[in-house]
């Protein structure tokens, strides 16, 4: 199986991060908790669910892409950890994640999507933190401009904003 160079680099970066022994992501949050993970996860910080503050998410490898979305009239730059890196940090073992937003919107995302595409758990838009009114503080974003298959309602619905928790199923 041949991988395009970007996909190969992304997989190598994720593997290097996991093998580096870094444990920043599972430290006890020092700041305001912005994301809680629960369900079928193997690594936890003190407490249940496993909580992340923004500093912990920032400690994970950061990725950016610029893409058009249905929610903004112009291209936007999104930055944050890959969703697959967040899942790897907690030892997620499941086929689906359920993302739950601040307004209680729930959406299921196949874990396979996070392997097939560089889906970002965006914490920045155009290099600035996202306020709740701007779909923040966390937004699941697909790189829509990289693959026409992503230009469908199916993937747009999976792009939850104001994400507050993720349940691994």
Protein backbone atom coordinates (compact mmCIF):
# COMPACT_ATOMS: atom_id res chain seq x y z
CA UNK A 1 0.00 0.00 0.00
CA UNK A 2 1.39 3.41 -0.97
CA UNK A 3 0.70 6.50 1.12
CA UNK A 4 0.98 10.01 -0.17
CA UNK A 5 3.91 11.93 1.38
CA UNK A 6 1.70 14.10 3.61
CA UNK A 7 -0.12 11.08 5.03
CA UNK A 8 3.19 9.26 5.58
CA UNK A 9 4.66 12.25 7.46
CA UNK A 10 1.53 12.57 9.57
CA UNK A 11 1.66 8.88 10.54
CA UNK A 12 5.37 9.11 11.30
CA UNK A 13 4.82 12.19 13.44
CA UNK A 14 2.06 10.47 15.41
CA UNK A 15 4.23 7.36 15.91
CA UNK A 16 7.20 9.48 17.03
CA UNK A 17 5.00 11.32 19.53
CA UNK A 18 3.62 8.09 20.97
CA UNK A 19 7.06 6.49 21.21
CA UNK A 20 8.67 9.58 22.74
CA UNK A 21 7.24 8.78 26.16
CA UNK A 22 5.69 12.22 26.55
CA UNK A 23 2.94 12.24 29.12
CA UNK A 24 1.91 15.90 29.02
CA UNK A 25 -1.53 15.07 27.74
CA UNK A 26 -2.38 12.98 30.79
CA UNK A 27 -1.15 15.37 33.45
CA UNK A 28 -3.72 16.75 35.85
CA UNK A 29 -5.31 19.84 34.29
CA UNK A 30 -4.05 23.05 35.87
CA UNK A 31 -6.41 25.35 34.01
CA UNK A 32 -10.07 25.30 33.09
CA UNK A 33 -11.14 21.91 31.71
CA UNK A 34 -12.14 22.33 28.04
CA UNK A 35 -12.46 18.67 27.01
CA UNK A 36 -13.42 15.45 28.80
CA UNK A 37 -12.87 11.99 27.33
CA UNK A 38 -14.62 8.87 28.58
CA UNK A 39 -15.60 5.41 27.44
CA UNK A 40 -13.21 2.83 26.08
CA UNK A 41 -9.89 4.51 26.94
CA UNK A 42 -6.82 2.91 28.44
CA UNK A 43 -4.91 5.87 29.87
CA UNK A 44 -6.37 8.35 32.28
CA UNK A 45 -5.38 11.27 34.42
CA UNK A 46 -6.70 11.43 37.99
CA UNK A 47 -10.47 11.27 37.87
CA UNK A 48 -13.02 9.95 35.46
CA UNK A 49 -13.56 11.21 32.80
CA UNK A 50 -10.07 12.11 31.59
CA UNK A 51 -9.90 15.89 31.42
CA UNK A 52 -7.82 18.25 29.29
CA UNK A 53 -7.20 21.93 29.72
CA UNK A 54 -6.09 24.04 26.77
CA UNK A 55 -2.43 23.81 27.78
CA UNK A 56 -2.58 20.02 27.61
CA UNK A 57 -4.11 20.12 24.13
CA UNK A 58 -1.45 22.64 23.08
CA UNK A 59 1.27 20.21 24.29
CA UNK A 60 0.16 17.69 21.66
CA UNK A 61 1.67 18.07 18.16
CA UNK A 62 -0.13 20.94 16.40
CA UNK A 63 -1.30 20.88 12.79
CA UNK A 64 -2.88 23.51 10.55
CA UNK A 65 -4.73 23.68 7.28
CA UNK A 66 -6.73 26.30 5.43
CA UNK A 67 -10.05 25.29 3.96
CA UNK A 68 -13.46 26.50 2.88
CA UNK A 69 -16.33 25.44 5.11
CA UNK A 70 -20.09 25.81 4.82
CA UNK A 71 -20.06 28.12 7.88
CA UNK A 72 -17.80 30.92 6.65
CA UNK A 73 -17.83 32.76 3.30
CA UNK A 74 -14.01 32.68 2.97
CA UNK A 75 -11.26 30.16 3.67
CA UNK A 76 -10.24 29.84 7.31
CA UNK A 77 -7.06 28.50 8.86
CA UNK A 78 -7.64 25.92 11.59
CA UNK A 79 -4.97 24.81 14.07
CA UNK A 80 -4.95 22.18 16.77
CA UNK A 81 -3.99 18.59 17.48
CA UNK A 82 -5.09 15.89 15.13
CA UNK A 83 -8.11 14.14 16.58
CA UNK A 84 -6.26 10.83 16.18
CA UNK A 85 -3.45 12.19 18.42
CA UNK A 86 -5.95 13.11 21.13
CA UNK A 87 -7.42 9.62 20.92
CA UNK A 88 -3.95 8.04 21.00
CA UNK A 89 -3.01 10.09 24.08
CA UNK A 90 -5.79 8.38 26.04
CA UNK A 91 -5.28 4.94 24.52
CA UNK A 92 -8.69 4.98 22.85
CA UNK A 93 -9.95 1.60 21.71
CA UNK A 94 -13.16 1.83 19.80
CA UNK A 95 -14.68 2.20 16.37
CA UNK A 96 -16.75 5.31 17.00
CA UNK A 97 -16.53 8.47 19.03
CA UNK A 98 -19.50 10.47 20.18
CA UNK A 99 -18.70 14.18 20.29
CA UNK A 100 -20.95 16.26 22.53
CA UNK A 101 -21.11 20.04 22.22
CA UNK A 102 -21.86 22.70 24.80
CA UNK A 103 -25.43 22.94 23.47
CA UNK A 104 -25.76 19.13 23.85
CA UNK A 105 -25.51 18.49 20.08
CA UNK A 106 -24.27 14.90 19.68
CA UNK A 107 -22.64 13.40 16.65
CA UNK A 108 -20.96 10.08 16.00
CA UNK A 109 -17.68 10.07 14.11
CA UNK A 110 -16.07 6.83 12.92
CA UNK A 111 -12.54 6.49 14.31
CA UNK A 112 -11.60 5.40 10.77
CA UNK A 113 -12.21 9.01 9.64
CA UNK A 114 -9.41 10.15 11.94
CA UNK A 115 -7.04 7.69 10.26
CA UNK A 116 -8.15 8.39 6.70
CA UNK A 117 -8.14 12.20 6.98
CA UNK A 118 -6.10 14.67 9.07
CA UNK A 119 -9.13 15.72 11.12
CA UNK A 120 -8.19 18.51 13.52
CA UNK A 121 -9.61 19.28 16.93
CA UNK A 122 -9.22 22.97 16.18
CA UNK A 123 -8.44 25.32 19.05
CA UNK A 124 -7.41 28.24 16.83
CA UNK A 125 -9.07 29.82 13.82
CA UNK A 126 -6.91 32.18 11.79
CA UNK A 127 -4.28 31.89 14.56
CA UNK A 128 -6.65 33.12 17.29
CA UNK A 129 -8.43 31.20 20.05
CA UNK A 130 -12.08 30.62 19.21
CA UNK A 131 -14.69 32.10 21.53
CA UNK A 132 -17.88 30.15 22.15
CA UNK A 133 -19.75 32.52 19.81
CA UNK A 134 -17.17 31.67 17.10
CA UNK A 135 -17.72 27.89 17.37
CA UNK A 136 -15.04 27.44 20.03
CA UNK A 137 -13.28 26.68 22.10
CA UNK A 138 -12.91 23.35 20.22
CA UNK A 139 -14.16 22.48 16.73
CA UNK A 140 -13.80 19.16 14.87
CA UNK A 141 -12.78 20.18 11.34
CA UNK A 142 -12.12 18.05 8.27
CA UNK A 143 -9.74 19.31 5.56
CA UNK A 144 -12.57 19.81 3.07
CA UNK A 145 -10.41 21.26 0.29
CA UNK A 146 -8.15 18.18 0.13
CA UNK A 147 -10.75 15.69 -1.07
CA UNK A 148 -14.02 16.24 -2.92
CA UNK A 149 -15.48 13.26 -1.04
CA UNK A 150 -15.53 15.54 2.02
CA UNK A 151 -17.91 18.00 0.31
CA UNK A 152 -21.01 16.23 1.61
CA UNK A 153 -23.54 16.75 4.36
CA UNK A 154 -22.27 13.57 6.03
CA UNK A 155 -18.87 15.11 6.82
CA UNK A 156 -20.26 18.57 7.51
CA UNK A 157 -22.52 17.06 10.20
CA UNK A 158 -19.54 15.30 11.78
CA UNK A 159 -17.79 18.65 12.21
CA UNK A 160 -19.08 19.46 15.65
CA UNK A 161 -18.22 22.82 17.17
CA UNK A 162 -18.16 23.89 20.80
CA UNK A 163 -17.04 20.34 21.62
CA UNK A 164 -16.96 19.72 25.39
CA UNK A 165 -16.69 15.94 25.60
CA UNK A 166 -15.87 12.84 23.59
CA UNK A 167 -17.05 9.35 24.42
CA UNK A 168 -15.11 6.48 22.83
CA UNK A 169 -17.38 3.58 21.88
